[in-house]
Amino acid sequence: EELRKILLRLPTIISCNFDDNIKPTLDSVRNYLDLTDDELRKIVLRLPAIISLNFDNNIKPTLDAVHEYLNLSDDELRKIFLRLPSIVGRNFDDNIKPTLDAVRDYLMLSDEELRKIL
């Protein structure tokens, strides 16, 4: 049933090679964020497109940029990713940073307050 849901949301996954594309990406995400198998499964169900992303070219640069920009601990980054996995499908400079800056400015938040609301 879970595979059916993934295929319905991301039919192009059929063209991905498991050993060359899917497994390396999922293993890298799991290891980088210290996720359990269950957490990773939930992420894939919520965001099947993560399977089609390249860890080194797409996912890691975005996570690293968010990590650095917000001065997050590894655990804080992990928690944000678990709540907002779609963050890895966004470009940091074009989407994430301007959004964070706008929220911070509009609500007059400190860096610490911004980290807390994420």
PDB file of N, CA and C in Angstrom:
ATOM      1  N   GLU A   1       0.828  -1.192   0.000  1.00  0.00           N
ATOM      2  CA  GLU A   1       0.000   0.000   0.000  1.00  0.00           C
ATOM      3  C   GLU A   1       0.879   1.266   0.000  1.00  0.00           C
ATOM      4  N   GLU A   2       1.961   1.253   0.768  1.00  0.00           N
ATOM      5  CA  GLU A   2       2.838   2.430   0.807  1.00  0.00           C
ATOM      6  C   GLU A   2       3.516   2.660  -0.539  1.00  0.00           C
ATOM      7  N   LEU A   3       3.964   1.578  -1.164  1.00  0.00           N
ATOM      8  CA  LEU A   3       4.605   1.701  -2.474  1.00  0.00           C
ATOM      9  C   LEU A   3       3.602   2.229  -3.500  1.00  0.00           C
ATOM     10  N   ARG A   4       2.378   1.797  -3.398  1.00  0.00           N
ATOM     11  CA  ARG A   4       1.325   2.271  -4.291  1.00  0.00           C
ATOM     12  C   ARG A   4       1.155   3.795  -4.153  1.00  0.00           C
ATOM     13  N   LYS A   5       1.125   4.274  -2.921  1.00  0.00           N
ATOM     14  CA  LYS A   5       0.989   5.707  -2.682  1.00  0.00           C
ATOM     15  C   LYS A   5       2.152   6.486  -3.298  1.00  0.00           C
ATOM     16  N   ILE A   6       3.344   5.951  -3.128  1.00  0.00           N
ATOM     17  CA  ILE A   6       4.529   6.618  -3.669  1.00  0.00           C
ATOM     18  C   ILE A   6       4.461   6.654  -5.195  1.00  0.00           C
ATOM     19  N   LEU A   7       4.110   5.543  -5.802  1.00  0.00           N
ATOM     20  CA  LEU A   7       4.030   5.470  -7.260  1.00  0.00           C
ATOM     21  C   LEU A   7       2.950   6.406  -7.815  1.00  0.00           C
ATOM     22  N   LEU A   8       1.855   6.523  -7.105  1.00  0.00           N
ATOM     23  CA  LEU A   8       0.792   7.416  -7.561  1.00  0.00           C
ATOM     24  C   LEU A   8       1.213   8.881  -7.466  1.00  0.00           C
ATOM     25  N   ARG A   9       1.990   9.211  -6.460  1.00  0.00           N
ATOM     26  CA  ARG A   9       2.434  10.603  -6.290  1.00  0.00           C
ATOM     27  C   ARG A   9       3.643  10.937  -7.149  1.00  0.00           C
ATOM     28  N   LEU A  10       4.456   9.917  -7.458  1.00  0.00           N
ATOM     29  CA  LEU A  10       5.682  10.152  -8.232  1.00  0.00           C
ATOM     30  C   LEU A  10       5.894   9.005  -9.220  1.00  0.00           C
ATOM     31  N   PRO A  11       5.104   8.962 -10.276  1.00  0.00           N
ATOM     32  CA  PRO A  11       5.215   7.850 -11.224  1.00  0.00           C
ATOM     33  C   PRO A  11       6.581   7.760 -11.904  1.00  0.00           C
ATOM     34  N   THR A  12       7.306   8.851 -11.989  1.00  0.00           N
ATOM     35  CA  THR A  12       8.621   8.826 -12.640  1.00  0.00           C
ATOM     36  C   THR A  12       9.645   8.011 -11.869  1.00  0.00           C
ATOM     37  N   ILE A  13       9.304   7.614 -10.653  1.00  0.00           N
ATOM     38  CA  ILE A  13      10.221   6.807  -9.856  1.00  0.00           C
ATOM     39  C   ILE A  13      10.526   5.475 -10.534  1.00  0.00           C
ATOM     40  N   ILE A  14       9.620   5.052 -11.375  1.00  0.00           N
ATOM     41  CA  ILE A  14       9.815   3.783 -12.082  1.00  0.00           C
ATOM     42  C   ILE A  14      11.080   3.822 -12.922  1.00  0.00           C
ATOM     43  N   SER A  15      11.440   4.992 -13.402  1.00  0.00           N
ATOM     44  CA  SER A  15      12.634   5.106 -14.239  1.00  0.00           C
ATOM     45  C   SER A  15      13.925   5.217 -13.435  1.00  0.00           C
ATOM     46  N   CYS A  16      13.833   5.341 -12.122  1.00  0.00           N
ATOM     47  CA  CYS A  16      15.024   5.454 -11.275  1.00  0.00           C
ATOM     48  C   CYS A  16      15.591   4.070 -10.968  1.00  0.00           C
ATOM     49  N   ASN A  17      16.884   3.953 -11.042  1.00  0.00           N
ATOM     50  CA  ASN A  17      17.553   2.713 -10.694  1.00  0.00           C
ATOM     51  C   ASN A  17      17.744   2.679  -9.180  1.00  0.00           C
ATOM     52  N   PHE A  18      17.271   1.615  -8.558  1.00  0.00           N
ATOM     53  CA  PHE A  18      17.331   1.536  -7.099  1.00  0.00           C
ATOM     54  C   PHE A  18      18.765   1.606  -6.581  1.00  0.00           C
ATOM     55  N   ASP A  19      19.645   0.774  -7.112  1.00  0.00           N
ATOM     56  CA  ASP A  19      21.019   0.698  -6.600  1.00  0.00           C
ATOM     57  C   ASP A  19      21.858   1.935  -6.941  1.00  0.00           C
ATOM     58  N   ASP A  20      21.583   2.537  -8.084  1.00  0.00           N
ATOM     59  CA  ASP A  20      22.385   3.690  -8.517  1.00  0.00           C
ATOM     60  C   ASP A  20      21.839   5.028  -8.036  1.00  0.00           C
ATOM     61  N   ASN A  21      20.522   5.127  -7.830  1.00  0.00           N
ATOM     62  CA  ASN A  21      19.913   6.414  -7.503  1.00  0.00           C
ATOM     63  C   ASN A  21      19.220   6.436  -6.143  1.00  0.00           C
ATOM     64  N   ILE A  22      18.259   5.578  -5.977  1.00  0.00           N
ATOM     65  CA  ILE A  22      17.393   5.641  -4.797  1.00  0.00           C
ATOM     66  C   ILE A  22      18.130   5.268  -3.515  1.00  0.00           C
ATOM     67  N   LYS A  23      18.760   4.116  -3.512  1.00  0.00           N
ATOM     68  CA  LYS A  23      19.432   3.642  -2.294  1.00  0.00           C
ATOM     69  C   LYS A  23      20.524   4.599  -1.824  1.00  0.00           C
ATOM     70  N   PRO A  24      21.415   5.070  -2.704  1.00  0.00           N
ATOM     71  CA  PRO A  24      22.444   6.012  -2.230  1.00  0.00           C
ATOM     72  C   PRO A  24      21.859   7.295  -1.628  1.00  0.00           C
ATOM     73  N   THR A  25      20.805   7.809  -2.240  1.00  0.00           N
ATOM     74  CA  THR A  25      20.177   9.031  -1.721  1.00  0.00           C
ATOM     75  C   THR A  25      19.586   8.781  -0.341  1.00  0.00           C
ATOM     76  N   LEU A  26      18.807   7.728  -0.220  1.00  0.00           N
ATOM     77  CA  LEU A  26      18.170   7.447   1.073  1.00  0.00           C
ATOM     78  C   LEU A  26      19.188   7.111   2.153  1.00  0.00           C
ATOM     79  N   ASP A  27      20.213   6.351   1.798  1.00  0.00           N
ATOM     80  CA  ASP A  27      21.263   6.039   2.778  1.00  0.00           C
ATOM     81  C   ASP A  27      21.980   7.306   3.237  1.00  0.00           C
ATOM     82  N   SER A  28      22.257   8.187   2.294  1.00  0.00           N
ATOM     83  CA  SER A  28      22.953   9.436   2.637  1.00  0.00           C
ATOM     84  C   SER A  28      22.102  10.314   3.537  1.00  0.00           C
ATOM     85  N   VAL A  29      20.813  10.436   3.226  1.00  0.00           N
ATOM     86  CA  VAL A  29      19.921  11.232   4.064  1.00  0.00           C
ATOM     87  C   VAL A  29      19.835  10.631   5.461  1.00  0.00           C
ATOM     88  N   ARG A  30      19.668   9.325   5.523  1.00  0.00           N
ATOM     89  CA  ARG A  30      19.570   8.639   6.818  1.00  0.00           C
ATOM     90  C   ARG A  30      20.823   8.883   7.658  1.00  0.00           C
ATOM     91  N   ASN A  31      21.972   8.714   7.054  1.00  0.00           N
ATOM     92  CA  ASN A  31      23.233   8.870   7.776  1.00  0.00           C
ATOM     93  C   ASN A  31      23.513  10.333   8.152  1.00  0.00           C
ATOM     94  N   TYR A  32      23.249  11.243   7.233  1.00  0.00           N
ATOM     95  CA  TYR A  32      23.550  12.649   7.466  1.00  0.00           C
ATOM     96  C   TYR A  32      22.730  13.230   8.617  1.00  0.00           C
ATOM     97  N   LEU A  33      21.467  12.806   8.691  1.00  0.00           N
ATOM     98  CA  LEU A  33      20.565  13.346   9.718  1.00  0.00           C
ATOM     99  C   LEU A  33      20.310  12.364  10.858  1.00  0.00           C
ATOM    100  N   ASP A  34      20.993  11.246  10.822  1.00  0.00           N
ATOM    101  CA  ASP A  34      20.853  10.227  11.873  1.00  0.00           C
ATOM    102  C   ASP A  34      19.387   9.833  12.066  1.00  0.00           C
ATOM    103  N   LEU A  35      18.748   9.467  10.961  1.00  0.00           N
ATOM    104  CA  LEU A  35      17.340   9.090  10.990  1.00  0.00           C
ATOM    105  C   LEU A  35      17.184   7.592  11.225  1.00  0.00           C
ATOM    106  N   THR A  36      16.110   7.241  11.871  1.00  0.00           N
ATOM    107  CA  THR A  36      15.767   5.822  12.004  1.00  0.00           C
ATOM    108  C   THR A  36      15.123   5.374  10.695  1.00  0.00           C
ATOM    109  N   ASP A  37      15.025   4.075  10.514  1.00  0.00           N
ATOM    110  CA  ASP A  37      14.356   3.560   9.316  1.00  0.00           C
ATOM    111  C   ASP A  37      12.910   4.036   9.260  1.00  0.00           C
ATOM    112  N   ASP A  38      12.243   4.071  10.394  1.00  0.00           N
ATOM    113  CA  ASP A  38      10.850   4.510  10.436  1.00  0.00           C
ATOM    114  C   ASP A  38      10.727   5.991  10.069  1.00  0.00           C
ATOM    115  N   GLU A  39      11.629   6.813  10.562  1.00  0.00           N
ATOM    116  CA  GLU A  39      11.603   8.242  10.219  1.00  0.00           C
ATOM    117  C   GLU A  39      11.834   8.439   8.721  1.00  0.00           C
ATOM    118  N   LEU A  40      12.774   7.693   8.174  1.00  0.00           N
ATOM    119  CA  LEU A  40      13.061   7.799   6.745  1.00  0.00           C
ATOM    120  C   LEU A  40      11.859   7.338   5.925  1.00  0.00           C
ATOM    121  N   ARG A  41      11.215   6.270   6.325  1.00  0.00           N
ATOM    122  CA  ARG A  41      10.025   5.769   5.642  1.00  0.00           C
ATOM    123  C   ARG A  41       8.937   6.835   5.634  1.00  0.00           C
ATOM    124  N   LYS A  42       8.722   7.480   6.771  1.00  0.00           N
ATOM    125  CA  LYS A  42       7.700   8.528   6.854  1.00  0.00           C
ATOM    126  C   LYS A  42       8.037   9.712   5.950  1.00  0.00           C
ATOM    127  N   ILE A  43       9.312  10.042   5.874  1.00  0.00           N
ATOM    128  CA  ILE A  43       9.739  11.138   5.002  1.00  0.00           C
ATOM    129  C   ILE A  43       9.447  10.797   3.547  1.00  0.00           C
ATOM    130  N   VAL A  44       9.782   9.587   3.139  1.00  0.00           N
ATOM    131  CA  VAL A  44       9.551   9.178   1.755  1.00  0.00           C
ATOM    132  C   VAL A  44       8.053   9.171   1.441  1.00  0.00           C
ATOM    133  N   LEU A  45       7.249   8.771   2.395  1.00  0.00           N
ATOM    134  CA  LEU A  45       5.799   8.781   2.176  1.00  0.00           C
ATOM    135  C   LEU A  45       5.264  10.207   2.075  1.00  0.00           C
ATOM    136  N   ARG A  46       5.819  11.116   2.842  1.00  0.00           N
ATOM    137  CA  ARG A  46       5.379  12.519   2.799  1.00  0.00           C
ATOM    138  C   ARG A  46       5.934  13.258   1.592  1.00  0.00           C
ATOM    139  N   LEU A  47       7.161  12.909   1.218  1.00  0.00           N
ATOM    140  CA  LEU A  47       7.843  13.611   0.125  1.00  0.00           C
ATOM    141  C   LEU A  47       8.524  12.592  -0.799  1.00  0.00           C
ATOM    142  N   PRO A  48       7.744  11.885  -1.605  1.00  0.00           N
ATOM    143  CA  PRO A  48       8.350  10.891  -2.494  1.00  0.00           C
ATOM    144  C   PRO A  48       9.407  11.470  -3.426  1.00  0.00           C
ATOM    145  N   ALA A  49       9.286  12.741  -3.754  1.00  0.00           N
ATOM    146  CA  ALA A  49      10.246  13.374  -4.668  1.00  0.00           C
ATOM    147  C   ALA A  49      11.669  13.341  -4.127  1.00  0.00           C
ATOM    148  N   ILE A  50      11.834  13.122  -2.840  1.00  0.00           N
ATOM    149  CA  ILE A  50      13.188  13.061  -2.280  1.00  0.00           C
ATOM    150  C   ILE A  50      13.986  11.937  -2.927  1.00  0.00           C
ATOM    151  N   ILE A  51      13.290  10.928  -3.361  1.00  0.00           N
ATOM    152  CA  ILE A  51      13.938   9.787  -4.004  1.00  0.00           C
ATOM    153  C   ILE A  51      14.630  10.212  -5.298  1.00  0.00           C
ATOM    154  N   SER A  52      14.072  11.183  -5.977  1.00  0.00           N
ATOM    155  CA  SER A  52      14.618  11.602  -7.265  1.00  0.00           C
ATOM    156  C   SER A  52      15.699  12.675  -7.139  1.00  0.00           C
ATOM    157  N   LEU A  53      15.934  13.155  -5.929  1.00  0.00           N
ATOM    158  CA  LEU A  53      16.954  14.189  -5.732  1.00  0.00           C
ATOM    159  C   LEU A  53      18.323  13.561  -5.501  1.00  0.00           C
ATOM    160  N   ASN A  54      19.344  14.259  -5.922  1.00  0.00           N
ATOM    161  CA  ASN A  54      20.709  13.822  -5.675  1.00  0.00           C
ATOM    162  C   ASN A  54      21.160  14.395  -4.336  1.00  0.00           C
ATOM    163  N   PHE A  55      21.670  13.543  -3.470  1.00  0.00           N
ATOM    164  CA  PHE A  55      22.056  13.991  -2.140  1.00  0.00           C
ATOM    165  C   PHE A  55      23.136  15.071  -2.209  1.00  0.00           C
ATOM    166  N   ASP A  56      24.213  14.807  -2.933  1.00  0.00           N
ATOM    167  CA  ASP A  56      25.351  15.736  -2.948  1.00  0.00           C
ATOM    168  C   ASP A  56      25.059  17.041  -3.691  1.00  0.00           C
ATOM    169  N   ASN A  57      24.212  16.990  -4.696  1.00  0.00           N
ATOM    170  CA  ASN A  57      23.944  18.188  -5.509  1.00  0.00           C
ATOM    171  C   ASN A  57      22.719  18.968  -5.058  1.00  0.00           C
ATOM    172  N   ASN A  58      21.763  18.310  -4.419  1.00  0.00           N
ATOM    173  CA  ASN A  58      20.516  18.982  -4.055  1.00  0.00           C
ATOM    174  C   ASN A  58      20.266  19.031  -2.553  1.00  0.00           C
ATOM    175  N   ILE A  59      20.254  17.892  -1.933  1.00  0.00           N
ATOM    176  CA  ILE A  59      19.826  17.791  -0.535  1.00  0.00           C
ATOM    177  C   ILE A  59      20.859  18.369   0.424  1.00  0.00           C
ATOM    178  N   LYS A  60      22.085  17.894   0.342  1.00  0.00           N
ATOM    179  CA  LYS A  60      23.119  18.317   1.288  1.00  0.00           C
ATOM    180  C   LYS A  60      23.402  19.817   1.224  1.00  0.00           C
ATOM    181  N   PRO A  61      23.548  20.411   0.027  1.00  0.00           N
ATOM    182  CA  PRO A  61      23.798  21.857  -0.005  1.00  0.00           C
ATOM    183  C   PRO A  61      22.683  22.676   0.659  1.00  0.00           C
ATOM    184  N   THR A  62      21.443  22.248   0.462  1.00  0.00           N
ATOM    185  CA  THR A  62      20.332  22.969   1.080  1.00  0.00           C
ATOM    186  C   THR A  62      20.354  22.805   2.593  1.00  0.00           C
ATOM    187  N   LEU A  63      20.544  21.580   3.058  1.00  0.00           N
ATOM    188  CA  LEU A  63      20.600  21.346   4.502  1.00  0.00           C
ATOM    189  C   LEU A  63      21.774  22.088   5.131  1.00  0.00           C
ATOM    190  N   ASP A  64      22.921  22.066   4.462  1.00  0.00           N
ATOM    191  CA  ASP A  64      24.097  22.769   4.984  1.00  0.00           C
ATOM    192  C   ASP A  64      23.849  24.276   5.067  1.00  0.00           C
ATOM    193  N   ALA A  65      23.209  24.825   4.052  1.00  0.00           N
ATOM    194  CA  ALA A  65      22.946  26.261   4.031  1.00  0.00           C
ATOM    195  C   ALA A  65      21.980  26.656   5.149  1.00  0.00           C
ATOM    196  N   VAL A  66      20.930  25.875   5.351  1.00  0.00           N
ATOM    197  CA  VAL A  66      19.972  26.144   6.436  1.00  0.00           C
ATOM    198  C   VAL A  66      20.665  26.005   7.783  1.00  0.00           C
ATOM    199  N   HIS A  67      21.458  24.960   7.915  1.00  0.00           N
ATOM    200  CA  HIS A  67      22.209  24.682   9.146  1.00  0.00           C
ATOM    201  C   HIS A  67      23.083  25.872   9.519  1.00  0.00           C
ATOM    202  N   GLU A  68      23.815  26.359   8.534  1.00  0.00           N
ATOM    203  CA  GLU A  68      24.744  27.473   8.769  1.00  0.00           C
ATOM    204  C   GLU A  68      24.007  28.801   8.963  1.00  0.00           C
ATOM    205  N   TYR A  69      23.043  29.089   8.110  1.00  0.00           N
ATOM    206  CA  TYR A  69      22.348  30.372   8.150  1.00  0.00           C
ATOM    207  C   TYR A  69      21.627  30.590   9.476  1.00  0.00           C
ATOM    208  N   LEU A  70      21.008  29.519   9.977  1.00  0.00           N
ATOM    209  CA  LEU A  70      20.270  29.631  11.238  1.00  0.00           C
ATOM    210  C   LEU A  70      21.101  29.236  12.454  1.00  0.00           C
ATOM    211  N   ASN A  71      22.358  28.872  12.208  1.00  0.00           N
ATOM    212  CA  ASN A  71      23.246  28.469  13.296  1.00  0.00           C
ATOM    213  C   ASN A  71      22.592  27.376  14.148  1.00  0.00           C
ATOM    214  N   LEU A  72      22.161  26.315  13.463  1.00  0.00           N
ATOM    215  CA  LEU A  72      21.440  25.227  14.123  1.00  0.00           C
ATOM    216  C   LEU A  72      22.393  24.158  14.630  1.00  0.00           C
ATOM    217  N   SER A  73      21.973  23.489  15.664  1.00  0.00           N
ATOM    218  CA  SER A  73      22.681  22.279  16.072  1.00  0.00           C
ATOM    219  C   SER A  73      22.260  21.172  15.102  1.00  0.00           C
ATOM    220  N   ASP A  74      22.978  20.088  15.107  1.00  0.00           N
ATOM    221  CA  ASP A  74      22.608  18.959  14.247  1.00  0.00           C
ATOM    222  C   ASP A  74      21.210  18.463  14.587  1.00  0.00           C
ATOM    223  N   ASP A  75      20.888  18.424  15.861  1.00  0.00           N
ATOM    224  CA  ASP A  75      19.575  17.952  16.278  1.00  0.00           C
ATOM    225  C   ASP A  75      18.468  18.911  15.842  1.00  0.00           C
ATOM    226  N   GLU A  76      18.730  20.210  15.899  1.00  0.00           N
ATOM    227  CA  GLU A  76      17.736  21.188  15.445  1.00  0.00           C
ATOM    228  C   GLU A  76      17.478  21.044  13.941  1.00  0.00           C
ATOM    229  N   LEU A  77      18.545  20.843  13.176  1.00  0.00           N
ATOM    230  CA  LEU A  77      18.393  20.640  11.741  1.00  0.00           C
ATOM    231  C   LEU A  77      17.576  19.381  11.468  1.00  0.00           C
ATOM    232  N   ARG A  78      17.864  18.338  12.183  1.00  0.00           N
ATOM    233  CA  ARG A  78      17.139  17.069  12.046  1.00  0.00           C
ATOM    234  C   ARG A  78      15.655  17.274  12.321  1.00  0.00           C
ATOM    235  N   LYS A  79      15.337  17.989  13.387  1.00  0.00           N
ATOM    236  CA  LYS A  79      13.937  18.225  13.752  1.00  0.00           C
ATOM    237  C   LYS A  79      13.219  19.058  12.696  1.00  0.00           C
ATOM    238  N   ILE A  80      13.896  20.066  12.154  1.00  0.00           N
ATOM    239  CA  ILE A  80      13.288  20.883  11.105  1.00  0.00           C
ATOM    240  C   ILE A  80      13.006  20.023   9.877  1.00  0.00           C
ATOM    241  N   PHE A  81      13.963  19.191   9.507  1.00  0.00           N
ATOM    242  CA  PHE A  81      13.779  18.323   8.348  1.00  0.00           C
ATOM    243  C   PHE A  81      12.613  17.354   8.565  1.00  0.00           C
ATOM    244  N   LEU A  82      12.497  16.815   9.758  1.00  0.00           N
ATOM    245  CA  LEU A  82      11.397  15.889  10.031  1.00  0.00           C
ATOM    246  C   LEU A  82      10.036  16.591   9.951  1.00  0.00           C
ATOM    247  N   ARG A  83       9.989  17.854  10.329  1.00  0.00           N
ATOM    248  CA  ARG A  83       8.741  18.623  10.248  1.00  0.00           C
ATOM    249  C   ARG A  83       8.485  19.158   8.842  1.00  0.00           C
ATOM    250  N   LEU A  84       9.557  19.572   8.159  1.00  0.00           N
ATOM    251  CA  LEU A  84       9.441  20.205   6.846  1.00  0.00           C
ATOM    252  C   LEU A  84      10.377  19.546   5.824  1.00  0.00           C
ATOM    253  N   PRO A  85      10.124  18.294   5.481  1.00  0.00           N
ATOM    254  CA  PRO A  85      11.049  17.628   4.552  1.00  0.00           C
ATOM    255  C   PRO A  85      11.121  18.293   3.181  1.00  0.00           C
ATOM    256  N   SER A  86      10.084  19.018   2.821  1.00  0.00           N
ATOM    257  CA  SER A  86      10.082  19.668   1.504  1.00  0.00           C
ATOM    258  C   SER A  86      11.160  20.738   1.379  1.00  0.00           C
ATOM    259  N   ILE A  87      11.774  21.089   2.481  1.00  0.00           N
ATOM    260  CA  ILE A  87      12.838  22.097   2.457  1.00  0.00           C
ATOM    261  C   ILE A  87      13.968  21.683   1.513  1.00  0.00           C
ATOM    262  N   VAL A  88      14.201  20.382   1.390  1.00  0.00           N
ATOM    263  CA  VAL A  88      15.316  19.930   0.551  1.00  0.00           C
ATOM    264  C   VAL A  88      15.025  20.061  -0.933  1.00  0.00           C
ATOM    265  N   GLY A  89      13.774  20.291  -1.284  1.00  0.00           N
ATOM    266  CA  GLY A  89      13.432  20.485  -2.678  1.00  0.00           C
ATOM    267  C   GLY A  89      13.453  21.939  -3.100  1.00  0.00           C
ATOM    268  N   ARG A  90      13.865  22.805  -2.207  1.00  0.00           N
ATOM    269  CA  ARG A  90      13.881  24.246  -2.474  1.00  0.00           C
ATOM    270  C   ARG A  90      15.330  24.735  -2.594  1.00  0.00           C
ATOM    271  N   ASN A  91      15.495  25.801  -3.349  1.00  0.00           N
ATOM    272  CA  ASN A  91      16.798  26.434  -3.468  1.00  0.00           C
ATOM    273  C   ASN A  91      16.959  27.401  -2.301  1.00  0.00           C
ATOM    274  N   PHE A  92      18.060  27.292  -1.596  1.00  0.00           N
ATOM    275  CA  PHE A  92      18.255  28.120  -0.413  1.00  0.00           C
ATOM    276  C   PHE A  92      18.256  29.607  -0.750  1.00  0.00           C
ATOM    277  N   ASP A  93      19.087  30.020  -1.710  1.00  0.00           N
ATOM    278  CA  ASP A  93      19.226  31.444  -2.020  1.00  0.00           C
ATOM    279  C   ASP A  93      17.979  32.051  -2.669  1.00  0.00           C
ATOM    280  N   ASP A  94      17.290  31.257  -3.474  1.00  0.00           N
ATOM    281  CA  ASP A  94      16.124  31.780  -4.193  1.00  0.00           C
ATOM    282  C   ASP A  94      14.825  31.684  -3.408  1.00  0.00           C
ATOM    283  N   ASN A  95      14.707  30.691  -2.539  1.00  0.00           N
ATOM    284  CA  ASN A  95      13.435  30.455  -1.857  1.00  0.00           C
ATOM    285  C   ASN A  95      13.506  30.546  -0.334  1.00  0.00           C
ATOM    286  N   ILE A  96      14.398  29.775   0.241  1.00  0.00           N
ATOM    287  CA  ILE A  96      14.412  29.628   1.698  1.00  0.00           C
ATOM    288  C   ILE A  96      14.894  30.895   2.396  1.00  0.00           C
ATOM    289  N   LYS A  97      16.048  31.402   1.985  1.00  0.00           N
ATOM    290  CA  LYS A  97      16.614  32.582   2.647  1.00  0.00           C
ATOM    291  C   LYS A  97      15.683  33.790   2.550  1.00  0.00           C
ATOM    292  N   PRO A  98      15.159  34.117   1.363  1.00  0.00           N
ATOM    293  CA  PRO A  98      14.239  35.266   1.298  1.00  0.00           C
ATOM    294  C   PRO A  98      12.991  35.083   2.166  1.00  0.00           C
ATOM    295  N   THR A  99      12.502  33.870   2.245  1.00  0.00           N
ATOM    296  CA  THR A  99      11.324  33.604   3.085  1.00  0.00           C
ATOM    297  C   THR A  99      11.658  33.782   4.561  1.00  0.00           C
ATOM    298  N   LEU A 100      12.787  33.223   4.972  1.00  0.00           N
ATOM    299  CA  LEU A 100      13.200  33.364   6.370  1.00  0.00           C
ATOM    300  C   LEU A 100      13.435  34.834   6.719  1.00  0.00           C
ATOM    301  N   ASP A 101      14.082  35.546   5.812  1.00  0.00           N
ATOM    302  CA  ASP A 101      14.343  36.972   6.051  1.00  0.00           C
ATOM    303  C   ASP A 101      13.045  37.763   6.150  1.00  0.00           C
ATOM    304  N   ALA A 102      12.096  37.459   5.281  1.00  0.00           N
ATOM    305  CA  ALA A 102      10.818  38.177   5.292  1.00  0.00           C
ATOM    306  C   ALA A 102      10.046  37.906   6.580  1.00  0.00           C
ATOM    307  N   VAL A 103      10.032  36.658   7.011  1.00  0.00           N
ATOM    308  CA  VAL A 103       9.343  36.309   8.270  1.00  0.00           C
ATOM    309  C   VAL A 103      10.023  37.001   9.443  1.00  0.00           C
ATOM    310  N   ARG A 104      11.346  36.950   9.466  1.00  0.00           N
ATOM    311  CA  ARG A 104      12.102  37.579  10.548  1.00  0.00           C
ATOM    312  C   ARG A 104      11.826  39.082  10.597  1.00  0.00           C
ATOM    313  N   ASP A 105      11.875  39.718   9.437  1.00  0.00           N
ATOM    314  CA  ASP A 105      11.665  41.167   9.387  1.00  0.00           C
ATOM    315  C   ASP A 105      10.228  41.554   9.723  1.00  0.00           C
ATOM    316  N   TYR A 106       9.278  40.845   9.151  1.00  0.00           N
ATOM    317  CA  TYR A 106       7.873  41.188   9.352  1.00  0.00           C
ATOM    318  C   TYR A 106       7.456  41.015  10.812  1.00  0.00           C
ATOM    319  N   LEU A 107       7.928  39.927  11.419  1.00  0.00           N
ATOM    320  CA  LEU A 107       7.563  39.651  12.810  1.00  0.00           C
ATOM    321  C   LEU A 107       8.568  40.213  13.810  1.00  0.00           C
ATOM    322  N   MET A 108       9.623  40.855  13.290  1.00  0.00           N
ATOM    323  CA  MET A 108      10.682  41.425  14.125  1.00  0.00           C
ATOM    324  C   MET A 108      11.240  40.385  15.098  1.00  0.00           C
ATOM    325  N   LEU A 109      11.655  39.259  14.557  1.00  0.00           N
ATOM    326  CA  LEU A 109      12.166  38.155  15.360  1.00  0.00           C
ATOM    327  C   LEU A 109      13.682  38.214  15.472  1.00  0.00           C
ATOM    328  N   SER A 110      14.162  37.756  16.583  1.00  0.00           N
ATOM    329  CA  SER A 110      15.601  37.554  16.734  1.00  0.00           C
ATOM    330  C   SER A 110      15.939  36.228  16.027  1.00  0.00           C
ATOM    331  N   ASP A 111      17.233  35.974  15.847  1.00  0.00           N
ATOM    332  CA  ASP A 111      17.646  34.701  15.233  1.00  0.00           C
ATOM    333  C   ASP A 111      17.149  33.526  16.067  1.00  0.00           C
ATOM    334  N   GLU A 112      17.242  33.657  17.371  1.00  0.00           N
ATOM    335  CA  GLU A 112      16.798  32.583  18.264  1.00  0.00           C
ATOM    336  C   GLU A 112      15.292  32.344  18.134  1.00  0.00           C
ATOM    337  N   GLU A 113      14.526  33.421  18.067  1.00  0.00           N
ATOM    338  CA  GLU A 113      13.070  33.285  17.928  1.00  0.00           C
ATOM    339  C   GLU A 113      12.697  32.640  16.587  1.00  0.00           C
ATOM    340  N   LEU A 114      13.440  32.993  15.549  1.00  0.00           N
ATOM    341  CA  LEU A 114      13.187  32.394  14.239  1.00  0.00           C
ATOM    342  C   LEU A 114      13.460  30.889  14.273  1.00  0.00           C
ATOM    343  N   ARG A 115      14.550  30.491  14.902  1.00  0.00           N
ATOM    344  CA  ARG A 115      14.861  29.062  15.026  1.00  0.00           C
ATOM    345  C   ARG A 115      13.749  28.331  15.781  1.00  0.00           C
ATOM    346  N   LYS A 116      13.205  28.956  16.801  1.00  0.00           N
ATOM    347  CA  LYS A 116      12.173  28.316  17.613  1.00  0.00           C
ATOM    348  C   LYS A 116      10.882  28.086  16.838  1.00  0.00           C
ATOM    349  N   ILE A 117      10.519  28.996  15.951  1.00  0.00           N
ATOM    350  CA  ILE A 117       9.258  28.817  15.238  1.00  0.00           C
ATOM    351  C   ILE A 117       9.371  27.817  14.110  1.00  0.00           C
ATOM    352  N   LEU A 118      10.589  27.501  13.721  1.00  0.00           N
ATOM    353  CA  LEU A 118      10.762  26.496  12.678  1.00  0.00           C
ATOM    354  C   LEU A 118      10.681  25.128  13.306  1.00  0.00           C
TER     355      LEU A 118
END
